[in-house]
Amino acid sequence: MIKRSRFSYDETLRVLKDKIIKGGGTIFASIDQAAAAESVGMTLRPTTLIVFGNPKGGTPLMQGFPLVALELPLKLLVWEESGIVSVAYVSVSEIAARYGVTGMDEQLQTLDRNVEALTDAIV
């Protein structure tokens, strides 16, 4: 899923991070990929990967389906190109489908709604 932000790049990052924390989530990492590129003499459009989650939501998935841990915690990719700021993510239900998760429809719907609400804060 890709959404266009109504905010600047920096403001988009701030809004998303604030909403994650206020929603009880944890930001495990925020990786400034443009800065990493610059550190090796290369350039990259402003690009940040936010790795986040809430163990209350992710742990039950990983308990029942260990391979889901390859894609959890969740990630948001924020980038700016030609003045347009975008946010991309993979829905929890899509991740679950990749790994054959069954019997957890209610939890998956809740997690998807939470990520949707989080990213709707910037559109």
PDB file of N, CA and C in Angstrom:
ATOM      1  N   MET A   1       0.855  -1.164   0.000  1.00  0.00           N
ATOM      2  CA  MET A   1       0.000   0.000   0.000  1.00  0.00           C
ATOM      3  C   MET A   1       0.909   1.237   0.000  1.00  0.00           C
ATOM      4  N   ILE A   2       0.581   2.200  -0.833  1.00  0.00           N
ATOM      5  CA  ILE A   2       1.317   3.465  -0.886  1.00  0.00           C
ATOM      6  C   ILE A   2       0.317   4.594  -0.706  1.00  0.00           C
ATOM      7  N   LYS A   3       0.665   5.514   0.188  1.00  0.00           N
ATOM      8  CA  LYS A   3      -0.174   6.687   0.429  1.00  0.00           C
ATOM      9  C   LYS A   3       0.672   7.944   0.265  1.00  0.00           C
ATOM     10  N   ARG A   4       0.050   8.965  -0.266  1.00  0.00           N
ATOM     11  CA  ARG A   4       0.715  10.257  -0.434  1.00  0.00           C
ATOM     12  C   ARG A   4       0.447  11.112   0.801  1.00  0.00           C
ATOM     13  N   SER A   5       1.501  11.689   1.344  1.00  0.00           N
ATOM     14  CA  SER A   5       1.368  12.511   2.539  1.00  0.00           C
ATOM     15  C   SER A   5       1.007  13.945   2.180  1.00  0.00           C
ATOM     16  N   ARG A   6       0.224  14.567   3.041  1.00  0.00           N
ATOM     17  CA  ARG A   6      -0.093  15.987   2.874  1.00  0.00           C
ATOM     18  C   ARG A   6       0.943  16.870   3.569  1.00  0.00           C
ATOM     19  N   PHE A   7       1.884  16.238   4.240  1.00  0.00           N
ATOM     20  CA  PHE A   7       2.907  16.957   5.002  1.00  0.00           C
ATOM     21  C   PHE A   7       4.264  16.919   4.291  1.00  0.00           C
ATOM     22  N   SER A   8       5.167  17.746   4.792  1.00  0.00           N
ATOM     23  CA  SER A   8       6.555  17.682   4.341  1.00  0.00           C
ATOM     24  C   SER A   8       7.161  16.356   4.799  1.00  0.00           C
ATOM     25  N   TYR A   9       8.318  16.062   4.279  1.00  0.00           N
ATOM     26  CA  TYR A   9       9.026  14.830   4.648  1.00  0.00           C
ATOM     27  C   TYR A   9       9.245  14.762   6.156  1.00  0.00           C
ATOM     28  N   ASP A  10       9.861  15.814   6.723  1.00  0.00           N
ATOM     29  CA  ASP A  10      10.160  15.813   8.156  1.00  0.00           C
ATOM     30  C   ASP A  10       8.890  15.747   8.998  1.00  0.00           C
ATOM     31  N   GLU A  11       7.867  16.470   8.596  1.00  0.00           N
ATOM     32  CA  GLU A  11       6.617  16.474   9.347  1.00  0.00           C
ATOM     33  C   GLU A  11       5.932  15.112   9.245  1.00  0.00           C
ATOM     34  N   THR A  12       6.009  14.480   8.104  1.00  0.00           N
ATOM     35  CA  THR A  12       5.437  13.138   7.949  1.00  0.00           C
ATOM     36  C   THR A  12       6.093  12.172   8.932  1.00  0.00           C
ATOM     37  N   LEU A  13       7.409  12.219   9.005  1.00  0.00           N
ATOM     38  CA  LEU A  13       8.125  11.357   9.955  1.00  0.00           C
ATOM     39  C   LEU A  13       7.688  11.648  11.386  1.00  0.00           C
ATOM     40  N   ARG A  14       7.583  12.920  11.726  1.00  0.00           N
ATOM     41  CA  ARG A  14       7.199  13.304  13.089  1.00  0.00           C
ATOM     42  C   ARG A  14       5.800  12.808  13.422  1.00  0.00           C
ATOM     43  N   VAL A  15       4.850  13.033  12.517  1.00  0.00           N
ATOM     44  CA  VAL A  15       3.460  12.622  12.753  1.00  0.00           C
ATOM     45  C   VAL A  15       3.382  11.103  12.928  1.00  0.00           C
ATOM     46  N   LEU A  16       4.020  10.359  12.041  1.00  0.00           N
ATOM     47  CA  LEU A  16       3.965   8.901  12.132  1.00  0.00           C
ATOM     48  C   LEU A  16       4.596   8.391  13.426  1.00  0.00           C
ATOM     49  N   LYS A  17       5.758   8.907  13.771  1.00  0.00           N
ATOM     50  CA  LYS A  17       6.435   8.457  14.991  1.00  0.00           C
ATOM     51  C   LYS A  17       5.628   8.803  16.231  1.00  0.00           C
ATOM     52  N   ASP A  18       5.091  10.007  16.272  1.00  0.00           N
ATOM     53  CA  ASP A  18       4.266  10.405  17.420  1.00  0.00           C
ATOM     54  C   ASP A  18       3.048   9.504  17.551  1.00  0.00           C
ATOM     55  N   LYS A  19       2.405   9.212  16.433  1.00  0.00           N
ATOM     56  CA  LYS A  19       1.191   8.386  16.463  1.00  0.00           C
ATOM     57  C   LYS A  19       1.525   6.951  16.883  1.00  0.00           C
ATOM     58  N   ILE A  20       2.648   6.423  16.444  1.00  0.00           N
ATOM     59  CA  ILE A  20       3.064   5.076  16.860  1.00  0.00           C
ATOM     60  C   ILE A  20       3.214   5.026  18.373  1.00  0.00           C
ATOM     61  N   ILE A  21       3.941   5.985  18.919  1.00  0.00           N
ATOM     62  CA  ILE A  21       4.207   5.986  20.355  1.00  0.00           C
ATOM     63  C   ILE A  21       2.931   6.240  21.156  1.00  0.00           C
ATOM     64  N   LYS A  22       2.141   7.222  20.733  1.00  0.00           N
ATOM     65  CA  LYS A  22       0.893   7.517  21.445  1.00  0.00           C
ATOM     66  C   LYS A  22      -0.089   6.358  21.374  1.00  0.00           C
ATOM     67  N   GLY A  23       0.027   5.518  20.357  1.00  0.00           N
ATOM     68  CA  GLY A  23      -0.841   4.351  20.211  1.00  0.00           C
ATOM     69  C   GLY A  23      -0.341   3.133  20.966  1.00  0.00           C
ATOM     70  N   GLY A  24       0.730   3.291  21.724  1.00  0.00           N
ATOM     71  CA  GLY A  24       1.249   2.183  22.513  1.00  0.00           C
ATOM     72  C   GLY A  24       2.268   1.321  21.789  1.00  0.00           C
ATOM     73  N   GLY A  25       2.691   1.747  20.617  1.00  0.00           N
ATOM     74  CA  GLY A  25       3.679   0.989  19.860  1.00  0.00           C
ATOM     75  C   GLY A  25       5.103   1.348  20.256  1.00  0.00           C
ATOM     76  N   THR A  26       6.009   0.604  19.715  1.00  0.00           N
ATOM     77  CA  THR A  26       7.430   0.816  19.938  1.00  0.00           C
ATOM     78  C   THR A  26       8.105   1.053  18.595  1.00  0.00           C
ATOM     79  N   ILE A  27       8.971   2.049  18.538  1.00  0.00           N
ATOM     80  CA  ILE A  27       9.807   2.246  17.351  1.00  0.00           C
ATOM     81  C   ILE A  27      11.125   1.543  17.641  1.00  0.00           C
ATOM     82  N   PHE A  28      11.360   0.453  16.951  1.00  0.00           N
ATOM     83  CA  PHE A  28      12.562  -0.338  17.167  1.00  0.00           C
ATOM     84  C   PHE A  28      13.758   0.257  16.438  1.00  0.00           C
ATOM     85  N   ALA A  29      13.489   0.922  15.310  1.00  0.00           N
ATOM     86  CA  ALA A  29      14.564   1.556  14.547  1.00  0.00           C
ATOM     87  C   ALA A  29      13.952   2.574  13.597  1.00  0.00           C
ATOM     88  N   SER A  30      14.723   3.599  13.339  1.00  0.00           N
ATOM     89  CA  SER A  30      14.392   4.570  12.301  1.00  0.00           C
ATOM     90  C   SER A  30      15.670   4.738  11.498  1.00  0.00           C
ATOM     91  N   ILE A  31      15.663   4.215  10.300  1.00  0.00           N
ATOM     92  CA  ILE A  31      16.887   4.142   9.503  1.00  0.00           C
ATOM     93  C   ILE A  31      16.838   5.200   8.403  1.00  0.00           C
ATOM     94  N   ASP A  32      17.718   6.167   8.514  1.00  0.00           N
ATOM     95  CA  ASP A  32      17.828   7.220   7.504  1.00  0.00           C
ATOM     96  C   ASP A  32      18.686   6.671   6.370  1.00  0.00           C
ATOM     97  N   GLN A  33      18.032   6.160   5.356  1.00  0.00           N
ATOM     98  CA  GLN A  33      18.748   5.503   4.274  1.00  0.00           C
ATOM     99  C   GLN A  33      19.501   6.491   3.397  1.00  0.00           C
ATOM    100  N   ALA A  34      19.031   7.732   3.330  1.00  0.00           N
ATOM    101  CA  ALA A  34      19.756   8.762   2.576  1.00  0.00           C
ATOM    102  C   ALA A  34      21.076   9.087   3.271  1.00  0.00           C
ATOM    103  N   ALA A  35      21.047   9.154   4.595  1.00  0.00           N
ATOM    104  CA  ALA A  35      22.277   9.415   5.344  1.00  0.00           C
ATOM    105  C   ALA A  35      23.255   8.254   5.188  1.00  0.00           C
ATOM    106  N   ALA A  36      22.742   7.032   5.168  1.00  0.00           N
ATOM    107  CA  ALA A  36      23.609   5.867   4.969  1.00  0.00           C
ATOM    108  C   ALA A  36      24.268   5.928   3.602  1.00  0.00           C
ATOM    109  N   ALA A  37      23.499   6.315   2.589  1.00  0.00           N
ATOM    110  CA  ALA A  37      24.064   6.447   1.245  1.00  0.00           C
ATOM    111  C   ALA A  37      25.148   7.519   1.227  1.00  0.00           C
ATOM    112  N   GLU A  38      24.867   8.639   1.887  1.00  0.00           N
ATOM    113  CA  GLU A  38      25.829   9.737   1.930  1.00  0.00           C
ATOM    114  C   GLU A  38      27.127   9.306   2.614  1.00  0.00           C
ATOM    115  N   SER A  39      27.014   8.435   3.613  1.00  0.00           N
ATOM    116  CA  SER A  39      28.209   7.997   4.348  1.00  0.00           C
ATOM    117  C   SER A  39      29.177   7.198   3.488  1.00  0.00           C
ATOM    118  N   VAL A  40      28.703   6.711   2.340  1.00  0.00           N
ATOM    119  CA  VAL A  40      29.583   5.972   1.426  1.00  0.00           C
ATOM    120  C   VAL A  40      29.751   6.724   0.105  1.00  0.00           C
ATOM    121  N   GLY A  41      29.488   8.037   0.147  1.00  0.00           N
ATOM    122  CA  GLY A  41      29.726   8.879  -1.017  1.00  0.00           C
ATOM    123  C   GLY A  41      28.667   8.779  -2.102  1.00  0.00           C
ATOM    124  N   MET A  42      27.481   8.307  -1.755  1.00  0.00           N
ATOM    125  CA  MET A  42      26.408   8.181  -2.745  1.00  0.00           C
ATOM    126  C   MET A  42      25.244   9.090  -2.345  1.00  0.00           C
ATOM    127  N   THR A  43      24.321   9.288  -3.263  1.00  0.00           N
ATOM    128  CA  THR A  43      23.153  10.101  -2.946  1.00  0.00           C
ATOM    129  C   THR A  43      21.886   9.271  -3.106  1.00  0.00           C
ATOM    130  N   LEU A  44      20.908   9.613  -2.298  1.00  0.00           N
ATOM    131  CA  LEU A  44      19.605   8.978  -2.338  1.00  0.00           C
ATOM    132  C   LEU A  44      18.580  10.015  -1.914  1.00  0.00           C
ATOM    133  N   ARG A  45      17.437  10.023  -2.576  1.00  0.00           N
ATOM    134  CA  ARG A  45      16.358  10.933  -2.183  1.00  0.00           C
ATOM    135  C   ARG A  45      16.108  10.741  -0.687  1.00  0.00           C
ATOM    136  N   PRO A  46      15.508  11.719  -0.003  1.00  0.00           N
ATOM    137  CA  PRO A  46      15.185  11.528   1.411  1.00  0.00           C
ATOM    138  C   PRO A  46      14.358  10.243   1.581  1.00  0.00           C
ATOM    139  N   THR A  47      14.885   9.316   2.344  1.00  0.00           N
ATOM    140  CA  THR A  47      14.264   8.006   2.516  1.00  0.00           C
ATOM    141  C   THR A  47      14.541   7.493   3.918  1.00  0.00           C
ATOM    142  N   THR A  48      13.477   7.164   4.639  1.00  0.00           N
ATOM    143  CA  THR A  48      13.615   6.625   5.991  1.00  0.00           C
ATOM    144  C   THR A  48      12.735   5.397   6.137  1.00  0.00           C
ATOM    145  N   LEU A  49      13.282   4.360   6.771  1.00  0.00           N
ATOM    146  CA  LEU A  49      12.536   3.152   7.087  1.00  0.00           C
ATOM    147  C   LEU A  49      12.275   3.161   8.586  1.00  0.00           C
ATOM    148  N   ILE A  50      10.996   3.136   8.962  1.00  0.00           N
ATOM    149  CA  ILE A  50      10.618   3.075  10.371  1.00  0.00           C
ATOM    150  C   ILE A  50      10.215   1.631  10.673  1.00  0.00           C
ATOM    151  N   VAL A  51      10.891   1.028  11.630  1.00  0.00           N
ATOM    152  CA  VAL A  51      10.603  -0.341  12.052  1.00  0.00           C
ATOM    153  C   VAL A  51       9.876  -0.235  13.390  1.00  0.00           C
ATOM    154  N   PHE A  52       8.636  -0.718  13.430  1.00  0.00           N
ATOM    155  CA  PHE A  52       7.816  -0.483  14.614  1.00  0.00           C
ATOM    156  C   PHE A  52       6.871  -1.656  14.866  1.00  0.00           C
ATOM    157  N   GLY A  53       6.283  -1.648  16.032  1.00  0.00           N
ATOM    158  CA  GLY A  53       5.282  -2.662  16.325  1.00  0.00           C
ATOM    159  C   GLY A  53       4.839  -2.592  17.761  1.00  0.00           C
ATOM    160  N   ASN A  54       4.020  -3.562  18.100  1.00  0.00           N
ATOM    161  CA  ASN A  54       3.541  -3.720  19.458  1.00  0.00           C
ATOM    162  C   ASN A  54       3.574  -5.212  19.742  1.00  0.00           C
ATOM    163  N   PRO A  55       4.413  -5.640  20.685  1.00  0.00           N
ATOM    164  CA  PRO A  55       4.518  -7.069  20.962  1.00  0.00           C
ATOM    165  C   PRO A  55       3.183  -7.744  21.280  1.00  0.00           C
ATOM    166  N   LYS A  56       2.214  -6.991  21.789  1.00  0.00           N
ATOM    167  CA  LYS A  56       0.896  -7.578  22.066  1.00  0.00           C
ATOM    168  C   LYS A  56       0.232  -8.056  20.784  1.00  0.00           C
ATOM    169  N   GLY A  57       0.481  -7.373  19.681  1.00  0.00           N
ATOM    170  CA  GLY A  57      -0.122  -7.759  18.409  1.00  0.00           C
ATOM    171  C   GLY A  57       0.691  -8.777  17.642  1.00  0.00           C
ATOM    172  N   GLY A  58       2.001  -8.601  17.644  1.00  0.00           N
ATOM    173  CA  GLY A  58       2.866  -9.456  16.831  1.00  0.00           C
ATOM    174  C   GLY A  58       3.221 -10.788  17.450  1.00  0.00           C
ATOM    175  N   THR A  59       3.354 -10.828  18.763  1.00  0.00           N
ATOM    176  CA  THR A  59       3.787 -12.064  19.420  1.00  0.00           C
ATOM    177  C   THR A  59       2.855 -13.248  19.151  1.00  0.00           C
ATOM    178  N   PRO A  60       1.530 -13.073  19.261  1.00  0.00           N
ATOM    179  CA  PRO A  60       0.660 -14.225  18.977  1.00  0.00           C
ATOM    180  C   PRO A  60       0.835 -14.767  17.549  1.00  0.00           C
ATOM    181  N   LEU A  61       1.060 -13.885  16.600  1.00  0.00           N
ATOM    182  CA  LEU A  61       1.305 -14.346  15.222  1.00  0.00           C
ATOM    183  C   LEU A  61       2.581 -15.178  15.150  1.00  0.00           C
ATOM    184  N   MET A  62       3.633 -14.689  15.794  1.00  0.00           N
ATOM    185  CA  MET A  62       4.911 -15.402  15.746  1.00  0.00           C
ATOM    186  C   MET A  62       4.871 -16.699  16.550  1.00  0.00           C
ATOM    187  N   GLN A  63       4.062 -16.719  17.621  1.00  0.00           N
ATOM    188  CA  GLN A  63       3.944 -17.959  18.401  1.00  0.00           C
ATOM    189  C   GLN A  63       3.343 -19.072  17.550  1.00  0.00           C
ATOM    190  N   GLY A  64       2.312 -18.735  16.806  1.00  0.00           N
ATOM    191  CA  GLY A  64       1.632 -19.750  16.004  1.00  0.00           C
ATOM    192  C   GLY A  64       2.281 -20.023  14.666  1.00  0.00           C
ATOM    193  N   PHE A  65       2.959 -19.016  14.139  1.00  0.00           N
ATOM    194  CA  PHE A  65       3.528 -19.111  12.789  1.00  0.00           C
ATOM    195  C   PHE A  65       4.915 -18.456  12.805  1.00  0.00           C
ATOM    196  N   PRO A  66       5.947 -19.186  13.233  1.00  0.00           N
ATOM    197  CA  PRO A  66       7.275 -18.611  13.442  1.00  0.00           C
ATOM    198  C   PRO A  66       7.852 -17.843  12.258  1.00  0.00           C
ATOM    199  N   LEU A  67       7.563 -18.244  11.019  1.00  0.00           N
ATOM    200  CA  LEU A  67       8.148 -17.567   9.870  1.00  0.00           C
ATOM    201  C   LEU A  67       7.646 -16.138   9.688  1.00  0.00           C
ATOM    202  N   VAL A  68       6.530 -15.802  10.316  1.00  0.00           N
ATOM    203  CA  VAL A  68       6.029 -14.427  10.257  1.00  0.00           C
ATOM    204  C   VAL A  68       7.068 -13.466  10.832  1.00  0.00           C
ATOM    205  N   ALA A  69       7.905 -13.961  11.718  1.00  0.00           N
ATOM    206  CA  ALA A  69       8.945 -13.122  12.324  1.00  0.00           C
ATOM    207  C   ALA A  69       9.942 -12.595  11.300  1.00  0.00           C
ATOM    208  N   LEU A  70       9.971 -13.180  10.119  1.00  0.00           N
ATOM    209  CA  LEU A  70      10.827 -12.634   9.065  1.00  0.00           C
ATOM    210  C   LEU A  70      10.373 -11.240   8.655  1.00  0.00           C
ATOM    211  N   GLU A  71       9.092 -10.914   8.872  1.00  0.00           N
ATOM    212  CA  GLU A  71       8.558  -9.625   8.431  1.00  0.00           C
ATOM    213  C   GLU A  71       8.017  -8.771   9.575  1.00  0.00           C
ATOM    214  N   LEU A  72       8.145  -9.252  10.789  1.00  0.00           N
ATOM    215  CA  LEU A  72       7.771  -8.448  11.953  1.00  0.00           C
ATOM    216  C   LEU A  72       9.034  -8.097  12.706  1.00  0.00           C
ATOM    217  N   PRO A  73       9.116  -6.939  13.283  1.00  0.00           N
ATOM    218  CA  PRO A  73       8.115  -5.897  13.369  1.00  0.00           C
ATOM    219  C   PRO A  73       7.775  -5.316  11.989  1.00  0.00           C
ATOM    220  N   LEU A  74       6.707  -4.529  11.992  1.00  0.00           N
ATOM    221  CA  LEU A  74       6.235  -3.900  10.762  1.00  0.00           C
ATOM    222  C   LEU A  74       7.167  -2.784  10.318  1.00  0.00           C
ATOM    223  N   LYS A  75       7.006  -2.359   9.089  1.00  0.00           N
ATOM    224  CA  LYS A  75       7.861  -1.309   8.535  1.00  0.00           C
ATOM    225  C   LYS A  75       7.028  -0.303   7.760  1.00  0.00           C
ATOM    226  N   LEU A  76       7.438   0.944   7.863  1.00  0.00           N
ATOM    227  CA  LEU A  76       6.902   2.020   7.030  1.00  0.00           C
ATOM    228  C   LEU A  76       8.071   2.613   6.270  1.00  0.00           C
ATOM    229  N   LEU A  77       7.935   2.755   4.977  1.00  0.00           N
ATOM    230  CA  LEU A  77       8.958   3.406   4.171  1.00  0.00           C
ATOM    231  C   LEU A  77       8.432   4.791   3.808  1.00  0.00           C
ATOM    232  N   VAL A  78       9.201   5.813   4.162  1.00  0.00           N
ATOM    233  CA  VAL A  78       8.838   7.201   3.869  1.00  0.00           C
ATOM    234  C   VAL A  78       9.901   7.759   2.943  1.00  0.00           C
ATOM    235  N   TRP A  79       9.464   8.343   1.813  1.00  0.00           N
ATOM    236  CA  TRP A  79      10.429   8.941   0.899  1.00  0.00           C
ATOM    237  C   TRP A  79       9.824  10.161   0.237  1.00  0.00           C
ATOM    238  N   GLU A  80      10.723  10.999  -0.252  1.00  0.00           N
ATOM    239  CA  GLU A  80      10.305  12.201  -0.970  1.00  0.00           C
ATOM    240  C   GLU A  80      10.935  12.194  -2.347  1.00  0.00           C
ATOM    241  N   GLU A  81      10.097  12.444  -3.343  1.00  0.00           N
ATOM    242  CA  GLU A  81      10.591  12.499  -4.711  1.00  0.00           C
ATOM    243  C   GLU A  81       9.823  13.591  -5.444  1.00  0.00           C
ATOM    244  N   SER A  82      10.564  14.528  -6.014  1.00  0.00           N
ATOM    245  CA  SER A  82       9.968  15.647  -6.745  1.00  0.00           C
ATOM    246  C   SER A  82       8.954  16.402  -5.896  1.00  0.00           C
ATOM    247  N   GLY A  83       9.280  16.572  -4.618  1.00  0.00           N
ATOM    248  CA  GLY A  83       8.417  17.324  -3.719  1.00  0.00           C
ATOM    249  C   GLY A  83       7.223  16.565  -3.185  1.00  0.00           C
ATOM    250  N   ILE A  84       7.066  15.322  -3.577  1.00  0.00           N
ATOM    251  CA  ILE A  84       5.945  14.499  -3.116  1.00  0.00           C
ATOM    252  C   ILE A  84       6.469  13.504  -2.084  1.00  0.00           C
ATOM    253  N   VAL A  85       5.809  13.491  -0.917  1.00  0.00           N
ATOM    254  CA  VAL A  85       6.190  12.576   0.159  1.00  0.00           C
ATOM    255  C   VAL A  85       5.209  11.408   0.155  1.00  0.00           C
ATOM    256  N   SER A  86       5.746  10.211   0.165  1.00  0.00           N
ATOM    257  CA  SER A  86       4.922   8.996   0.139  1.00  0.00           C
ATOM    258  C   SER A  86       5.304   8.083   1.291  1.00  0.00           C
ATOM    259  N   VAL A  87       4.333   7.256   1.673  1.00  0.00           N
ATOM    260  CA  VAL A  87       4.534   6.256   2.720  1.00  0.00           C
ATOM    261  C   VAL A  87       4.044   4.922   2.173  1.00  0.00           C
ATOM    262  N   ALA A  88       4.870   3.904   2.302  1.00  0.00           N
ATOM    263  CA  ALA A  88       4.501   2.573   1.826  1.00  0.00           C
ATOM    264  C   ALA A  88       4.626   1.568   2.967  1.00  0.00           C
ATOM    265  N   TYR A  89       3.767   0.555   2.914  1.00  0.00           N
ATOM    266  CA  TYR A  89       3.823  -0.527   3.886  1.00  0.00           C
ATOM    267  C   TYR A  89       3.134  -1.751   3.311  1.00  0.00           C
ATOM    268  N   VAL A  90       3.393  -2.882   3.923  1.00  0.00           N
ATOM    269  CA  VAL A  90       2.730  -4.132   3.566  1.00  0.00           C
ATOM    270  C   VAL A  90       1.725  -4.417   4.683  1.00  0.00           C
ATOM    271  N   SER A  91       0.473  -4.678   4.322  1.00  0.00           N
ATOM    272  CA  SER A  91      -0.548  -4.930   5.340  1.00  0.00           C
ATOM    273  C   SER A  91      -0.236  -6.223   6.093  1.00  0.00           C
ATOM    274  N   VAL A  92      -0.710  -6.271   7.319  1.00  0.00           N
ATOM    275  CA  VAL A  92      -0.494  -7.459   8.147  1.00  0.00           C
ATOM    276  C   VAL A  92      -1.188  -8.663   7.518  1.00  0.00           C
ATOM    277  N   SER A  93      -2.363  -8.460   6.955  1.00  0.00           N
ATOM    278  CA  SER A  93      -3.064  -9.588   6.333  1.00  0.00           C
ATOM    279  C   SER A  93      -2.295 -10.126   5.124  1.00  0.00           C
ATOM    280  N   GLU A  94      -1.614  -9.246   4.398  1.00  0.00           N
ATOM    281  CA  GLU A  94      -0.796  -9.706   3.269  1.00  0.00           C
ATOM    282  C   GLU A  94       0.398 -10.513   3.773  1.00  0.00           C
ATOM    283  N   ILE A  95       1.016 -10.036   4.836  1.00  0.00           N
ATOM    284  CA  ILE A  95       2.130 -10.783   5.443  1.00  0.00           C
ATOM    285  C   ILE A  95       1.631 -12.149   5.907  1.00  0.00           C
ATOM    286  N   ALA A  96       0.489 -12.155   6.572  1.00  0.00           N
ATOM    287  CA  ALA A  96      -0.072 -13.412   7.091  1.00  0.00           C
ATOM    288  C   ALA A  96      -0.363 -14.395   5.960  1.00  0.00           C
ATOM    289  N   ALA A  97      -0.880 -13.885   4.863  1.00  0.00           N
ATOM    290  CA  ALA A  97      -1.189 -14.761   3.721  1.00  0.00           C
ATOM    291  C   ALA A  97       0.080 -15.406   3.163  1.00  0.00           C
ATOM    292  N   ARG A  98       1.168 -14.669   3.158  1.00  0.00           N
ATOM    293  CA  ARG A  98       2.444 -15.218   2.645  1.00  0.00           C
ATOM    294  C   ARG A  98       2.888 -16.438   3.431  1.00  0.00           C
ATOM    295  N   TYR A  99       2.562 -16.452   4.726  1.00  0.00           N
ATOM    296  CA  TYR A  99       3.068 -17.499   5.607  1.00  0.00           C
ATOM    297  C   TYR A  99       1.973 -18.457   6.070  1.00  0.00           C
ATOM    298  N   GLY A 100       0.824 -18.428   5.410  1.00  0.00           N
ATOM    299  CA  GLY A 100      -0.224 -19.395   5.686  1.00  0.00           C
ATOM    300  C   GLY A 100      -0.865 -19.275   7.055  1.00  0.00           C
ATOM    301  N   VAL A 101      -0.925 -18.063   7.595  1.00  0.00           N
ATOM    302  CA  VAL A 101      -1.549 -17.855   8.901  1.00  0.00           C
ATOM    303  C   VAL A 101      -3.049 -18.144   8.787  1.00  0.00           C
ATOM    304  N   THR A 102      -3.534 -18.971   9.699  1.00  0.00           N
ATOM    305  CA  THR A 102      -4.958 -19.297   9.735  1.00  0.00           C
ATOM    306  C   THR A 102      -5.470 -19.164  11.161  1.00  0.00           C
ATOM    307  N   GLY A 103      -6.791 -18.999  11.271  1.00  0.00           N
ATOM    308  CA  GLY A 103      -7.423 -18.972  12.587  1.00  0.00           C
ATOM    309  C   GLY A 103      -7.199 -17.697  13.372  1.00  0.00           C
ATOM    310  N   MET A 104      -6.720 -16.644  12.732  1.00  0.00           N
ATOM    311  CA  MET A 104      -6.426 -15.396  13.444  1.00  0.00           C
ATOM    312  C   MET A 104      -7.054 -14.198  12.730  1.00  0.00           C
ATOM    313  N   ASP A 105      -8.175 -14.433  12.083  1.00  0.00           N
ATOM    314  CA  ASP A 105      -8.786 -13.370  11.279  1.00  0.00           C
ATOM    315  C   ASP A 105      -9.083 -12.111  12.072  1.00  0.00           C
ATOM    316  N   GLU A 106      -9.618 -12.255  13.264  1.00  0.00           N
ATOM    317  CA  GLU A 106      -9.963 -11.076  14.071  1.00  0.00           C
ATOM    318  C   GLU A 106      -8.716 -10.263  14.434  1.00  0.00           C
ATOM    319  N   GLN A 107      -7.665 -10.939  14.846  1.00  0.00           N
ATOM    320  CA  GLN A 107      -6.418 -10.245  15.188  1.00  0.00           C
ATOM    321  C   GLN A 107      -5.826  -9.536  13.975  1.00  0.00           C
ATOM    322  N   LEU A 108      -5.868 -10.215  12.829  1.00  0.00           N
ATOM    323  CA  LEU A 108      -5.316  -9.623  11.612  1.00  0.00           C
ATOM    324  C   LEU A 108      -6.104  -8.383  11.204  1.00  0.00           C
ATOM    325  N   GLN A 109      -7.419  -8.458  11.293  1.00  0.00           N
ATOM    326  CA  GLN A 109      -8.247  -7.298  10.951  1.00  0.00           C
ATOM    327  C   GLN A 109      -7.955  -6.123  11.879  1.00  0.00           C
ATOM    328  N   THR A 110      -7.784  -6.407  13.162  1.00  0.00           N
ATOM    329  CA  THR A 110      -7.459  -5.343  14.121  1.00  0.00           C
ATOM    330  C   THR A 110      -6.119  -4.708  13.792  1.00  0.00           C
ATOM    331  N   LEU A 111      -5.127  -5.526  13.519  1.00  0.00           N
ATOM    332  CA  LEU A 111      -3.798  -4.999  13.184  1.00  0.00           C
ATOM    333  C   LEU A 111      -3.848  -4.189  11.894  1.00  0.00           C
ATOM    334  N   ASP A 112      -4.553  -4.691  10.890  1.00  0.00           N
ATOM    335  CA  ASP A 112      -4.685  -3.939   9.636  1.00  0.00           C
ATOM    336  C   ASP A 112      -5.366  -2.588   9.875  1.00  0.00           C
ATOM    337  N   ARG A 113      -6.429  -2.572  10.678  1.00  0.00           N
ATOM    338  CA  ARG A 113      -7.116  -1.310  10.985  1.00  0.00           C
ATOM    339  C   ARG A 113      -6.185  -0.340  11.699  1.00  0.00           C
ATOM    340  N   ASN A 114      -5.365  -0.853  12.589  1.00  0.00           N
ATOM    341  CA  ASN A 114      -4.436   0.010  13.327  1.00  0.00           C
ATOM    342  C   ASN A 114      -3.407   0.649  12.394  1.00  0.00           C
ATOM    343  N   VAL A 115      -2.854  -0.126  11.479  1.00  0.00           N
ATOM    344  CA  VAL A 115      -1.868   0.410  10.543  1.00  0.00           C
ATOM    345  C   VAL A 115      -2.547   1.395   9.579  1.00  0.00           C
ATOM    346  N   GLU A 116      -3.746   1.064   9.172  1.00  0.00           N
ATOM    347  CA  GLU A 116      -4.502   1.951   8.290  1.00  0.00           C
ATOM    348  C   GLU A 116      -4.757   3.310   8.970  1.00  0.00           C
ATOM    349  N   ALA A 117      -5.176   3.263  10.234  1.00  0.00           N
ATOM    350  CA  ALA A 117      -5.427   4.500  10.987  1.00  0.00           C
ATOM    351  C   ALA A 117      -4.133   5.285  11.178  1.00  0.00           C
ATOM    352  N   LEU A 118      -3.054   4.599  11.451  1.00  0.00           N
ATOM    353  CA  LEU A 118      -1.755   5.251  11.605  1.00  0.00           C
ATOM    354  C   LEU A 118      -1.379   6.011  10.337  1.00  0.00           C
ATOM    355  N   THR A 119      -1.465   5.347   9.212  1.00  0.00           N
ATOM    356  CA  THR A 119      -1.035   5.983   7.968  1.00  0.00           C
ATOM    357  C   THR A 119      -2.064   6.994   7.448  1.00  0.00           C
ATOM    358  N   ASP A 120      -3.322   6.840   7.818  1.00  0.00           N
ATOM    359  CA  ASP A 120      -4.325   7.834   7.435  1.00  0.00           C
ATOM    360  C   ASP A 120      -4.057   9.180   8.097  1.00  0.00           C
ATOM    361  N   ALA A 121      -3.275   9.211   9.149  1.00  0.00           N
ATOM    362  CA  ALA A 121      -2.954  10.456   9.840  1.00  0.00           C
ATOM    363  C   ALA A 121      -2.154  11.422   8.959  1.00  0.00           C
ATOM    364  N   ILE A 122      -1.557  10.914   7.885  1.00  0.00           N
ATOM    365  CA  ILE A 122      -0.709  11.768   7.046  1.00  0.00           C
ATOM    366  C   ILE A 122      -1.351  12.101   5.701  1.00  0.00           C
ATOM    367  N   VAL A 123      -2.526  11.529   5.409  1.00  0.00           N
ATOM    368  CA  VAL A 123      -3.149  11.808   4.106  1.00  0.00           C
ATOM    369  C   VAL A 123      -4.162  12.939   4.198  1.00  0.00           C
TER     370      VAL A 123
END
